[in-house]
mmCIF file of all heavy atoms, coordinates in Angstrom:
data_MODEL
# 
_entry.id   MODEL 
# 
loop_
_atom_site.group_PDB 
_atom_site.id 
_atom_site.type_symbol 
_atom_site.label_atom_id 
_atom_site.label_alt_id 
_atom_site.label_comp_id 
_atom_site.label_asym_id 
_atom_site.label_entity_id 
_atom_site.label_seq_id 
_atom_site.pdbx_PDB_ins_code 
_atom_site.Cartn_x 
_atom_site.Cartn_y 
_atom_site.Cartn_z 
_atom_site.occupancy 
_atom_site.B_iso_or_equiv 
_atom_site.pdbx_formal_charge 
_atom_site.auth_seq_id 
_atom_site.auth_comp_id 
_atom_site.auth_asym_id 
_atom_site.auth_atom_id 
_atom_site.pdbx_PDB_model_num 
ATOM 1   N N   . ARG A 1 1  ? -2.053  -9.651  -6.152 1.00 0.00 ? 1  ARG A N   1 
ATOM 2   C CA  . ARG A 1 1  ? -1.154  -8.657  -6.737 1.00 0.00 ? 1  ARG A CA  1 
ATOM 3   C C   . ARG A 1 1  ? 0.074   -8.501  -5.847 1.00 0.00 ? 1  ARG A C   1 
ATOM 4   O O   . ARG A 1 1  ? -0.033  -8.556  -4.626 1.00 0.00 ? 1  ARG A O   1 
ATOM 5   C CB  . ARG A 1 1  ? -1.871  -7.325  -6.891 1.00 0.00 ? 1  ARG A CB  1 
ATOM 6   C CG  . ARG A 1 1  ? -2.999  -7.391  -7.902 1.00 0.00 ? 1  ARG A CG  1 
ATOM 7   C CD  . ARG A 1 1  ? -3.868  -6.159  -7.812 1.00 0.00 ? 1  ARG A CD  1 
ATOM 8   N NE  . ARG A 1 1  ? -5.033  -6.256  -8.665 1.00 0.00 ? 1  ARG A NE  1 
ATOM 9   C CZ  . ARG A 1 1  ? -6.198  -6.772  -8.286 1.00 0.00 ? 1  ARG A CZ  1 
ATOM 10  N NH1 . ARG A 1 1  ? -6.354  -7.246  -7.076 1.00 0.00 ? 1  ARG A NH1 1 
ATOM 11  N NH2 . ARG A 1 1  ? -7.217  -6.805  -9.119 1.00 0.00 ? 1  ARG A NH2 1 
ATOM 12  N N   . ILE A 1 2  ? 1.199   -8.283  -6.483 1.00 0.00 ? 2  ILE A N   1 
ATOM 13  C CA  . ILE A 1 2  ? 2.463   -8.132  -5.758 1.00 0.00 ? 2  ILE A CA  1 
ATOM 14  C C   . ILE A 1 2  ? 2.888   -6.670  -5.817 1.00 0.00 ? 2  ILE A C   1 
ATOM 15  O O   . ILE A 1 2  ? 2.872   -6.055  -6.884 1.00 0.00 ? 2  ILE A O   1 
ATOM 16  C CB  . ILE A 1 2  ? 3.558   -9.026  -6.375 1.00 0.00 ? 2  ILE A CB  1 
ATOM 17  C CG1 . ILE A 1 2  ? 3.131   -10.495 -6.306 1.00 0.00 ? 2  ILE A CG1 1 
ATOM 18  C CG2 . ILE A 1 2  ? 4.880   -8.814  -5.663 1.00 0.00 ? 2  ILE A CG2 1 
ATOM 19  C CD1 . ILE A 1 2  ? 4.045   -11.425 -7.061 1.00 0.00 ? 2  ILE A CD1 1 
ATOM 20  N N   . VAL A 1 3  ? 3.270   -6.131  -4.670 1.00 0.00 ? 3  VAL A N   1 
ATOM 21  C CA  . VAL A 1 3  ? 3.720   -4.744  -4.571 1.00 0.00 ? 3  VAL A CA  1 
ATOM 22  C C   . VAL A 1 3  ? 5.052   -4.736  -3.819 1.00 0.00 ? 3  VAL A C   1 
ATOM 23  O O   . VAL A 1 3  ? 5.152   -5.251  -2.713 1.00 0.00 ? 3  VAL A O   1 
ATOM 24  C CB  . VAL A 1 3  ? 2.679   -3.873  -3.822 1.00 0.00 ? 3  VAL A CB  1 
ATOM 25  C CG1 . VAL A 1 3  ? 3.167   -2.447  -3.686 1.00 0.00 ? 3  VAL A CG1 1 
ATOM 26  C CG2 . VAL A 1 3  ? 1.325   -3.934  -4.518 1.00 0.00 ? 3  VAL A CG2 1 
ATOM 27  N N   . SER A 1 4  ? 6.044   -4.132  -4.424 1.00 0.00 ? 4  SER A N   1 
ATOM 28  C CA  . SER A 1 4  ? 7.368   -4.065  -3.802 1.00 0.00 ? 4  SER A CA  1 
ATOM 29  C C   . SER A 1 4  ? 7.377   -3.095  -2.624 1.00 0.00 ? 4  SER A C   1 
ATOM 30  O O   . SER A 1 4  ? 6.751   -2.042  -2.666 1.00 0.00 ? 4  SER A O   1 
ATOM 31  C CB  . SER A 1 4  ? 8.400   -3.605  -4.828 1.00 0.00 ? 4  SER A CB  1 
ATOM 32  O OG  . SER A 1 4  ? 9.643   -3.362  -4.204 1.00 0.00 ? 4  SER A OG  1 
ATOM 33  N N   . ILE A 1 5  ? 8.119   -3.481  -1.581 1.00 0.00 ? 5  ILE A N   1 
ATOM 34  C CA  . ILE A 1 5  ? 8.316   -2.575  -0.442 1.00 0.00 ? 5  ILE A CA  1 
ATOM 35  C C   . ILE A 1 5  ? 9.772   -2.131  -0.361 1.00 0.00 ? 5  ILE A C   1 
ATOM 36  O O   . ILE A 1 5  ? 10.235  -1.707  0.691  1.00 0.00 ? 5  ILE A O   1 
ATOM 37  C CB  . ILE A 1 5  ? 7.867   -3.216  0.890  1.00 0.00 ? 5  ILE A CB  1 
ATOM 38  C CG1 . ILE A 1 5  ? 8.579   -4.539  1.146  1.00 0.00 ? 5  ILE A CG1 1 
ATOM 39  C CG2 . ILE A 1 5  ? 6.365   -3.361  0.931  1.00 0.00 ? 5  ILE A CG2 1 
ATOM 40  C CD1 . ILE A 1 5  ? 8.361   -5.106  2.538  1.00 0.00 ? 5  ILE A CD1 1 
ATOM 41  N N   . GLU A 1 6  ? 10.465  -2.233  -1.474 1.00 0.00 ? 6  GLU A N   1 
ATOM 42  C CA  . GLU A 1 6  ? 11.882  -1.846  -1.483 1.00 0.00 ? 6  GLU A CA  1 
ATOM 43  C C   . GLU A 1 6  ? 12.074  -0.389  -1.066 1.00 0.00 ? 6  GLU A C   1 
ATOM 44  O O   . GLU A 1 6  ? 13.070  -0.052  -0.458 1.00 0.00 ? 6  GLU A O   1 
ATOM 45  C CB  . GLU A 1 6  ? 12.506  -2.115  -2.852 1.00 0.00 ? 6  GLU A CB  1 
ATOM 46  C CG  . GLU A 1 6  ? 12.703  -3.590  -3.147 1.00 0.00 ? 6  GLU A CG  1 
ATOM 47  C CD  . GLU A 1 6  ? 13.583  -4.307  -2.128 1.00 0.00 ? 6  GLU A CD  1 
ATOM 48  O OE1 . GLU A 1 6  ? 14.684  -3.814  -1.810 1.00 0.00 ? 6  GLU A OE1 1 
ATOM 49  O OE2 . GLU A 1 6  ? 13.158  -5.375  -1.642 1.00 0.00 ? 6  GLU A OE2 1 
ATOM 50  N N   . GLY A 1 7  ? 11.124  0.484   -1.358 1.00 0.00 ? 7  GLY A N   1 
ATOM 51  C CA  . GLY A 1 7  ? 11.225  1.882   -0.949 1.00 0.00 ? 7  GLY A CA  1 
ATOM 52  C C   . GLY A 1 7  ? 10.591  2.150   0.401  1.00 0.00 ? 7  GLY A C   1 
ATOM 53  O O   . GLY A 1 7  ? 10.488  3.298   0.832  1.00 0.00 ? 7  GLY A O   1 
ATOM 54  N N   . GLY A 1 8  ? 10.121  1.100   1.079  1.00 0.00 ? 8  GLY A N   1 
ATOM 55  C CA  . GLY A 1 8  ? 9.444   1.243   2.362  1.00 0.00 ? 8  GLY A CA  1 
ATOM 56  C C   . GLY A 1 8  ? 7.961   0.933   2.228  1.00 0.00 ? 8  GLY A C   1 
ATOM 57  O O   . GLY A 1 8  ? 7.434   0.783   1.128  1.00 0.00 ? 8  GLY A O   1 
ATOM 58  N N   . LEU A 1 9  ? 7.309   0.846   3.370  1.00 0.00 ? 9  LEU A N   1 
ATOM 59  C CA  . LEU A 1 9  ? 5.874   0.563   3.361  1.00 0.00 ? 9  LEU A CA  1 
ATOM 60  C C   . LEU A 1 9  ? 5.045   1.755   2.884  1.00 0.00 ? 9  LEU A C   1 
ATOM 61  O O   . LEU A 1 9  ? 4.015   1.582   2.241  1.00 0.00 ? 9  LEU A O   1 
ATOM 62  C CB  . LEU A 1 9  ? 5.408   0.141   4.753  1.00 0.00 ? 9  LEU A CB  1 
ATOM 63  C CG  . LEU A 1 9  ? 5.712   -1.292  5.152  1.00 0.00 ? 9  LEU A CG  1 
ATOM 64  C CD1 . LEU A 1 9  ? 5.353   -1.531  6.612  1.00 0.00 ? 9  LEU A CD1 1 
ATOM 65  C CD2 . LEU A 1 9  ? 4.983   -2.278  4.263  1.00 0.00 ? 9  LEU A CD2 1 
ATOM 66  N N   . ARG A 1 10 ? 5.481   2.964   3.199  1.00 0.00 ? 10 ARG A N   1 
ATOM 67  C CA  . ARG A 1 10 ? 4.691   4.142   2.825  1.00 0.00 ? 10 ARG A CA  1 
ATOM 68  C C   . ARG A 1 10 ? 4.420   4.212   1.322  1.00 0.00 ? 10 ARG A C   1 
ATOM 69  O O   . ARG A 1 10 ? 3.260   4.336   0.904  1.00 0.00 ? 10 ARG A O   1 
ATOM 70  C CB  . ARG A 1 10 ? 5.350   5.433   3.318  1.00 0.00 ? 10 ARG A CB  1 
ATOM 71  C CG  . ARG A 1 10 ? 4.530   6.678   2.963  1.00 0.00 ? 10 ARG A CG  1 
ATOM 72  C CD  . ARG A 1 10 ? 5.123   7.945   3.541  1.00 0.00 ? 10 ARG A CD  1 
ATOM 73  N NE  . ARG A 1 10 ? 5.101   7.961   4.990  1.00 0.00 ? 10 ARG A NE  1 
ATOM 74  C CZ  . ARG A 1 10 ? 4.037   8.265   5.732  1.00 0.00 ? 10 ARG A CZ  1 
ATOM 75  N NH1 . ARG A 1 10 ? 2.901   8.575   5.153  1.00 0.00 ? 10 ARG A NH1 1 
ATOM 76  N NH2 . ARG A 1 10 ? 4.109   8.264   7.043  1.00 0.00 ? 10 ARG A NH2 1 
ATOM 77  N N   . PRO A 1 11 ? 5.437   4.112   0.452  1.00 0.00 ? 11 PRO A N   1 
ATOM 78  C CA  . PRO A 1 11 ? 5.138   4.165   -0.988 1.00 0.00 ? 11 PRO A CA  1 
ATOM 79  C C   . PRO A 1 11 ? 4.248   3.008   -1.449 1.00 0.00 ? 11 PRO A C   1 
ATOM 80  O O   . PRO A 1 11 ? 3.395   3.185   -2.322 1.00 0.00 ? 11 PRO A O   1 
ATOM 81  C CB  . PRO A 1 11 ? 6.500   4.100   -1.664 1.00 0.00 ? 11 PRO A CB  1 
ATOM 82  C CG  . PRO A 1 11 ? 7.512   4.336   -0.610 1.00 0.00 ? 11 PRO A CG  1 
ATOM 83  C CD  . PRO A 1 11 ? 6.868   4.081   0.707  1.00 0.00 ? 11 PRO A CD  1 
ATOM 84  N N   . ALA A 1 12 ? 4.433   1.831   -0.862 1.00 0.00 ? 12 ALA A N   1 
ATOM 85  C CA  . ALA A 1 12 ? 3.599   0.684   -1.232 1.00 0.00 ? 12 ALA A CA  1 
ATOM 86  C C   . ALA A 1 12 ? 2.141   0.933   -0.855 1.00 0.00 ? 12 ALA A C   1 
ATOM 87  O O   . ALA A 1 12 ? 1.226   0.672   -1.644 1.00 0.00 ? 12 ALA A O   1 
ATOM 88  C CB  . ALA A 1 12 ? 4.122   -0.583  -0.560 1.00 0.00 ? 12 ALA A CB  1 
ATOM 89  N N   . LEU A 1 13 ? 1.915   1.467   0.350  1.00 0.00 ? 13 LEU A N   1 
ATOM 90  C CA  . LEU A 1 13 ? 0.549   1.743   0.780  1.00 0.00 ? 13 LEU A CA  1 
ATOM 91  C C   . LEU A 1 13 ? -0.063  2.907   0.007  1.00 0.00 ? 13 LEU A C   1 
ATOM 92  O O   . LEU A 1 13 ? -1.265  2.908   -0.275 1.00 0.00 ? 13 LEU A O   1 
ATOM 93  C CB  . LEU A 1 13 ? 0.517   1.998   2.287  1.00 0.00 ? 13 LEU A CB  1 
ATOM 94  C CG  . LEU A 1 13 ? 0.898   0.781   3.139  1.00 0.00 ? 13 LEU A CG  1 
ATOM 95  C CD1 . LEU A 1 13 ? 0.948   1.156   4.618  1.00 0.00 ? 13 LEU A CD1 1 
ATOM 96  C CD2 . LEU A 1 13 ? -0.041  -0.387  2.900  1.00 0.00 ? 13 LEU A CD2 1 
ATOM 97  N N   . GLU A 1 14 ? 0.748   3.887   -0.357 1.00 0.00 ? 14 GLU A N   1 
ATOM 98  C CA  . GLU A 1 14 ? 0.252   4.983   -1.195 1.00 0.00 ? 14 GLU A CA  1 
ATOM 99  C C   . GLU A 1 14 ? -0.187  4.455   -2.562 1.00 0.00 ? 14 GLU A C   1 
ATOM 100 O O   . GLU A 1 14 ? -1.183  4.903   -3.123 1.00 0.00 ? 14 GLU A O   1 
ATOM 101 C CB  . GLU A 1 14 ? 1.320   6.062   -1.346 1.00 0.00 ? 14 GLU A CB  1 
ATOM 102 C CG  . GLU A 1 14 ? 1.514   6.872   -0.074 1.00 0.00 ? 14 GLU A CG  1 
ATOM 103 C CD  . GLU A 1 14 ? 2.713   7.815   -0.121 1.00 0.00 ? 14 GLU A CD  1 
ATOM 104 O OE1 . GLU A 1 14 ? 3.552   7.716   -1.061 1.00 0.00 ? 14 GLU A OE1 1 
ATOM 105 O OE2 . GLU A 1 14 ? 2.821   8.651   0.792  1.00 0.00 ? 14 GLU A OE2 1 
ATOM 106 N N   . ARG A 1 15 ? 0.543   3.480   -3.070 1.00 0.00 ? 15 ARG A N   1 
ATOM 107 C CA  . ARG A 1 15 ? 0.171   2.856   -4.347 1.00 0.00 ? 15 ARG A CA  1 
ATOM 108 C C   . ARG A 1 15 ? -1.165  2.117   -4.209 1.00 0.00 ? 15 ARG A C   1 
ATOM 109 O O   . ARG A 1 15 ? -2.018  2.196   -5.098 1.00 0.00 ? 15 ARG A O   1 
ATOM 110 C CB  . ARG A 1 15 ? 1.268   1.896   -4.798 1.00 0.00 ? 15 ARG A CB  1 
ATOM 111 C CG  . ARG A 1 15 ? 0.951   1.203   -6.093 1.00 0.00 ? 15 ARG A CG  1 
ATOM 112 C CD  . ARG A 1 15 ? 2.085   0.326   -6.555 1.00 0.00 ? 15 ARG A CD  1 
ATOM 113 N NE  . ARG A 1 15 ? 1.632   -0.487  -7.661 1.00 0.00 ? 15 ARG A NE  1 
ATOM 114 C CZ  . ARG A 1 15 ? 2.282   -1.536  -8.112 1.00 0.00 ? 15 ARG A CZ  1 
ATOM 115 N NH1 . ARG A 1 15 ? 3.437   -1.893  -7.568 1.00 0.00 ? 15 ARG A NH1 1 
ATOM 116 N NH2 . ARG A 1 15 ? 1.791   -2.229  -9.111 1.00 0.00 ? 15 ARG A NH2 1 
ATOM 117 N N   . LEU A 1 16 ? -1.357  1.392   -3.092 1.00 0.00 ? 16 LEU A N   1 
ATOM 118 C CA  . LEU A 1 16 ? -2.624  0.701   -2.885 1.00 0.00 ? 16 LEU A CA  1 
ATOM 119 C C   . LEU A 1 16 ? -3.789  1.689   -2.814 1.00 0.00 ? 16 LEU A C   1 
ATOM 120 O O   . LEU A 1 16 ? -4.875  1.419   -3.327 1.00 0.00 ? 16 LEU A O   1 
ATOM 121 C CB  . LEU A 1 16 ? -2.581  -0.145  -1.609 1.00 0.00 ? 16 LEU A CB  1 
ATOM 122 C CG  . LEU A 1 16 ? -1.678  -1.367  -1.626 1.00 0.00 ? 16 LEU A CG  1 
ATOM 123 C CD1 . LEU A 1 16 ? -1.822  -2.146  -0.324 1.00 0.00 ? 16 LEU A CD1 1 
ATOM 124 C CD2 . LEU A 1 16 ? -1.955  -2.252  -2.816 1.00 0.00 ? 16 LEU A CD2 1 
ATOM 125 N N   . GLU A 1 17 ? -3.555  2.824   -2.201 1.00 0.00 ? 17 GLU A N   1 
ATOM 126 C CA  . GLU A 1 17 ? -4.610  3.835   -2.139 1.00 0.00 ? 17 GLU A CA  1 
ATOM 127 C C   . GLU A 1 17 ? -4.900  4.402   -3.526 1.00 0.00 ? 17 GLU A C   1 
ATOM 128 O O   . GLU A 1 17 ? -6.054  4.483   -3.956 1.00 0.00 ? 17 GLU A O   1 
ATOM 129 C CB  . GLU A 1 17 ? -4.229  4.970   -1.189 1.00 0.00 ? 17 GLU A CB  1 
ATOM 130 C CG  . GLU A 1 17 ? -5.309  6.032   -1.110 1.00 0.00 ? 17 GLU A CG  1 
ATOM 131 C CD  . GLU A 1 17 ? -4.981  7.158   -0.149 1.00 0.00 ? 17 GLU A CD  1 
ATOM 132 O OE1 . GLU A 1 17 ? -3.845  7.245   0.346  1.00 0.00 ? 17 GLU A OE1 1 
ATOM 133 O OE2 . GLU A 1 17 ? -5.896  7.970   0.111  1.00 0.00 ? 17 GLU A OE2 1 
ATOM 134 N N   . ARG A 1 18 ? -3.861  4.754   -4.222 1.00 0.00 ? 18 ARG A N   1 
ATOM 135 C CA  . ARG A 1 18 ? -3.997  5.379   -5.537 1.00 0.00 ? 18 ARG A CA  1 
ATOM 136 C C   . ARG A 1 18 ? -4.630  4.420   -6.562 1.00 0.00 ? 18 ARG A C   1 
ATOM 137 O O   . ARG A 1 18 ? -5.537  4.801   -7.295 1.00 0.00 ? 18 ARG A O   1 
ATOM 138 C CB  . ARG A 1 18 ? -2.622  5.847   -6.002 1.00 0.00 ? 18 ARG A CB  1 
ATOM 139 C CG  . ARG A 1 18 ? -2.580  6.643   -7.268 1.00 0.00 ? 18 ARG A CG  1 
ATOM 140 C CD  . ARG A 1 18 ? -1.178  7.168   -7.594 1.00 0.00 ? 18 ARG A CD  1 
ATOM 141 N NE  . ARG A 1 18 ? -0.190  6.106   -7.712 1.00 0.00 ? 18 ARG A NE  1 
ATOM 142 C CZ  . ARG A 1 18 ? 0.764   5.841   -6.799 1.00 0.00 ? 18 ARG A CZ  1 
ATOM 143 N NH1 . ARG A 1 18 ? 0.858   6.571   -5.707 1.00 0.00 ? 18 ARG A NH1 1 
ATOM 144 N NH2 . ARG A 1 18 ? 1.631   4.864   -6.984 1.00 0.00 ? 18 ARG A NH2 1 
ATOM 145 N N   . GLU A 1 19 ? -4.168  3.184   -6.593 1.00 0.00 ? 19 GLU A N   1 
ATOM 146 C CA  . GLU A 1 19 ? -4.596  2.253   -7.639 1.00 0.00 ? 19 GLU A CA  1 
ATOM 147 C C   . GLU A 1 19 ? -5.797  1.389   -7.265 1.00 0.00 ? 19 GLU A C   1 
ATOM 148 O O   . GLU A 1 19 ? -6.496  0.893   -8.142 1.00 0.00 ? 19 GLU A O   1 
ATOM 149 C CB  . GLU A 1 19 ? -3.430  1.344   -8.031 1.00 0.00 ? 19 GLU A CB  1 
ATOM 150 C CG  . GLU A 1 19 ? -2.287  2.104   -8.673 1.00 0.00 ? 19 GLU A CG  1 
ATOM 151 C CD  . GLU A 1 19 ? -1.090  1.217   -9.009 1.00 0.00 ? 19 GLU A CD  1 
ATOM 152 O OE1 . GLU A 1 19 ? -1.205  -0.024  -8.942 1.00 0.00 ? 19 GLU A OE1 1 
ATOM 153 O OE2 . GLU A 1 19 ? -0.027  1.790   -9.344 1.00 0.00 ? 19 GLU A OE2 1 
ATOM 154 N N   . HIS A 1 20 ? -6.043  1.212   -5.954 1.00 0.00 ? 20 HIS A N   1 
ATOM 155 C CA  . HIS A 1 20 ? -7.091  0.290   -5.539 1.00 0.00 ? 20 HIS A CA  1 
ATOM 156 C C   . HIS A 1 20 ? -8.058  0.881   -4.513 1.00 0.00 ? 20 HIS A C   1 
ATOM 157 O O   . HIS A 1 20 ? -8.940  0.177   -4.024 1.00 0.00 ? 20 HIS A O   1 
ATOM 158 C CB  . HIS A 1 20 ? -6.461  -0.994  -4.984 1.00 0.00 ? 20 HIS A CB  1 
ATOM 159 C CG  . HIS A 1 20 ? -5.549  -1.650  -5.963 1.00 0.00 ? 20 HIS A CG  1 
ATOM 160 N ND1 . HIS A 1 20 ? -6.016  -2.396  -7.029 1.00 0.00 ? 20 HIS A ND1 1 
ATOM 161 C CD2 . HIS A 1 20 ? -4.208  -1.636  -6.081 1.00 0.00 ? 20 HIS A CD2 1 
ATOM 162 C CE1 . HIS A 1 20 ? -4.985  -2.833  -7.741 1.00 0.00 ? 20 HIS A CE1 1 
ATOM 163 N NE2 . HIS A 1 20 ? -3.874  -2.384  -7.178 1.00 0.00 ? 20 HIS A NE2 1 
ATOM 164 N N   . GLY A 1 21 ? -7.883  2.138   -4.157 1.00 0.00 ? 21 GLY A N   1 
ATOM 165 C CA  . GLY A 1 21 ? -8.797  2.794   -3.232 1.00 0.00 ? 21 GLY A CA  1 
ATOM 166 C C   . GLY A 1 21 ? -8.697  2.315   -1.796 1.00 0.00 ? 21 GLY A C   1 
ATOM 167 O O   . GLY A 1 21 ? -9.613  2.535   -1.010 1.00 0.00 ? 21 GLY A O   1 
ATOM 168 N N   . ILE A 1 22 ? -7.596  1.690   -1.430 1.00 0.00 ? 22 ILE A N   1 
ATOM 169 C CA  . ILE A 1 22 ? -7.428  1.190   -0.067 1.00 0.00 ? 22 ILE A CA  1 
ATOM 170 C C   . ILE A 1 22 ? -6.866  2.309   0.798  1.00 0.00 ? 22 ILE A C   1 
ATOM 171 O O   . ILE A 1 22 ? -5.710  2.690   0.663  1.00 0.00 ? 22 ILE A O   1 
ATOM 172 C CB  . ILE A 1 22 ? -6.526  -0.062  -0.042 1.00 0.00 ? 22 ILE A CB  1 
ATOM 173 C CG1 . ILE A 1 22 ? -7.232  -1.185  -0.793 1.00 0.00 ? 22 ILE A CG1 1 
ATOM 174 C CG2 . ILE A 1 22 ? -6.204  -0.466  1.394  1.00 0.00 ? 22 ILE A CG2 1 
ATOM 175 C CD1 . ILE A 1 22 ? -6.438  -2.441  -0.933 1.00 0.00 ? 22 ILE A CD1 1 
ATOM 176 N N   . ARG A 1 23 ? -7.717  2.850   1.671  1.00 0.00 ? 23 ARG A N   1 
ATOM 177 C CA  . ARG A 1 23 ? -7.324  3.971   2.527  1.00 0.00 ? 23 ARG A CA  1 
ATOM 178 C C   . ARG A 1 23 ? -7.238  3.584   3.994  1.00 0.00 ? 23 ARG A C   1 
ATOM 179 O O   . ARG A 1 23 ? -6.402  4.063   4.722  1.00 0.00 ? 23 ARG A O   1 
ATOM 180 C CB  . ARG A 1 23 ? -8.346  5.107   2.381  1.00 0.00 ? 23 ARG A CB  1 
ATOM 181 C CG  . ARG A 1 23 ? -8.387  5.723   1.018  1.00 0.00 ? 23 ARG A CG  1 
ATOM 182 C CD  . ARG A 1 23 ? -9.433  6.832   0.874  1.00 0.00 ? 23 ARG A CD  1 
ATOM 183 N NE  . ARG A 1 23 ? -9.630  7.591   2.095  1.00 0.00 ? 23 ARG A NE  1 
ATOM 184 C CZ  . ARG A 1 23 ? -10.782 7.597   2.791  1.00 0.00 ? 23 ARG A CZ  1 
ATOM 185 N NH1 . ARG A 1 23 ? -11.801 6.876   2.411  1.00 0.00 ? 23 ARG A NH1 1 
ATOM 186 N NH2 . ARG A 1 23 ? -10.896 8.330   3.877  1.00 0.00 ? 23 ARG A NH2 1 
ATOM 187 N N   . ARG A 1 24 ? -8.150  2.742   4.444  1.00 0.00 ? 24 ARG A N   1 
ATOM 188 C CA  . ARG A 1 24 ? -8.220  2.388   5.862  1.00 0.00 ? 24 ARG A CA  1 
ATOM 189 C C   . ARG A 1 24 ? -7.830  0.917   6.013  1.00 0.00 ? 24 ARG A C   1 
ATOM 190 O O   . ARG A 1 24 ? -8.493  0.042   5.483  1.00 0.00 ? 24 ARG A O   1 
ATOM 191 C CB  . ARG A 1 24 ? -9.632  2.619   6.385  1.00 0.00 ? 24 ARG A CB  1 
ATOM 192 C CG  . ARG A 1 24 ? -9.753  2.409   7.874  1.00 0.00 ? 24 ARG A CG  1 
ATOM 193 C CD  . ARG A 1 24 ? -11.135 2.781   8.384  1.00 0.00 ? 24 ARG A CD  1 
ATOM 194 N NE  . ARG A 1 24 ? -11.349 4.215   8.210  1.00 0.00 ? 24 ARG A NE  1 
ATOM 195 C CZ  . ARG A 1 24 ? -12.429 4.743   7.656  1.00 0.00 ? 24 ARG A CZ  1 
ATOM 196 N NH1 . ARG A 1 24 ? -13.393 3.980   7.230  1.00 0.00 ? 24 ARG A NH1 1 
ATOM 197 N NH2 . ARG A 1 24 ? -12.555 6.047   7.536  1.00 0.00 ? 24 ARG A NH2 1 
ATOM 198 N N   . ILE A 1 25 ? -6.749  0.682   6.755  1.00 0.00 ? 25 ILE A N   1 
ATOM 199 C CA  . ILE A 1 25 ? -6.216  -0.670  6.912  1.00 0.00 ? 25 ILE A CA  1 
ATOM 200 C C   . ILE A 1 25 ? -6.151  -1.023  8.387  1.00 0.00 ? 25 ILE A C   1 
ATOM 201 O O   . ILE A 1 25 ? -5.642  -0.251  9.197  1.00 0.00 ? 25 ILE A O   1 
ATOM 202 C CB  . ILE A 1 25 ? -4.799  -0.764  6.297  1.00 0.00 ? 25 ILE A CB  1 
ATOM 203 C CG1 . ILE A 1 25 ? -4.846  -0.464  4.797  1.00 0.00 ? 25 ILE A CG1 1 
ATOM 204 C CG2 . ILE A 1 25 ? -4.196  -2.141  6.550  1.00 0.00 ? 25 ILE A CG2 1 
ATOM 205 C CD1 . ILE A 1 25 ? -3.475  -0.306  4.159  1.00 0.00 ? 25 ILE A CD1 1 
ATOM 206 N N   . ALA A 1 26 ? -6.644  -2.206  8.712  1.00 0.00 ? 26 ALA A N   1 
ATOM 207 C CA  . ALA A 1 26 ? -6.489  -2.757  10.059 1.00 0.00 ? 26 ALA A CA  1 
ATOM 208 C C   . ALA A 1 26 ? -5.306  -3.720  9.990  1.00 0.00 ? 26 ALA A C   1 
ATOM 209 O O   . ALA A 1 26 ? -5.316  -4.671  9.225  1.00 0.00 ? 26 ALA A O   1 
ATOM 210 C CB  . ALA A 1 26 ? -7.748  -3.494  10.493 1.00 0.00 ? 26 ALA A CB  1 
ATOM 211 N N   . SER A 1 27 ? -4.280  -3.440  10.759 1.00 0.00 ? 27 SER A N   1 
ATOM 212 C CA  . SER A 1 27 ? -3.097  -4.302  10.785 1.00 0.00 ? 27 SER A CA  1 
ATOM 213 C C   . SER A 1 27 ? -3.133  -5.127  12.055 1.00 0.00 ? 27 SER A C   1 
ATOM 214 O O   . SER A 1 27 ? -3.314  -4.595  13.145 1.00 0.00 ? 27 SER A O   1 
ATOM 215 C CB  . SER A 1 27 ? -1.827  -3.444  10.739 1.00 0.00 ? 27 SER A CB  1 
ATOM 216 O OG  . SER A 1 27 ? -0.687  -4.267  10.769 1.00 0.00 ? 27 SER A OG  1 
ATOM 217 N N   . ILE A 1 28 ? -2.953  -6.433  11.910 1.00 0.00 ? 28 ILE A N   1 
ATOM 218 C CA  . ILE A 1 28 ? -3.052  -7.315  13.070 1.00 0.00 ? 28 ILE A CA  1 
ATOM 219 C C   . ILE A 1 28 ? -1.800  -8.163  13.206 1.00 0.00 ? 28 ILE A C   1 
ATOM 220 O O   . ILE A 1 28 ? -1.149  -8.497  12.218 1.00 0.00 ? 28 ILE A O   1 
ATOM 221 C CB  . ILE A 1 28 ? -4.288  -8.217  12.993 1.00 0.00 ? 28 ILE A CB  1 
ATOM 222 C CG1 . ILE A 1 28 ? -4.202  -9.124  11.777 1.00 0.00 ? 28 ILE A CG1 1 
ATOM 223 C CG2 . ILE A 1 28 ? -5.548  -7.396  12.927 1.00 0.00 ? 28 ILE A CG2 1 
ATOM 224 C CD1 . ILE A 1 28 ? -5.177  -10.245 11.801 1.00 0.00 ? 28 ILE A CD1 1 
# 
């Protein structure tokens, strides 16, 4: 799935939480 980050990472990650239940992310 493609998610735009044109508005920044925060809105994109909020969308992942809202639509896909992704709350805890390990960034490497």
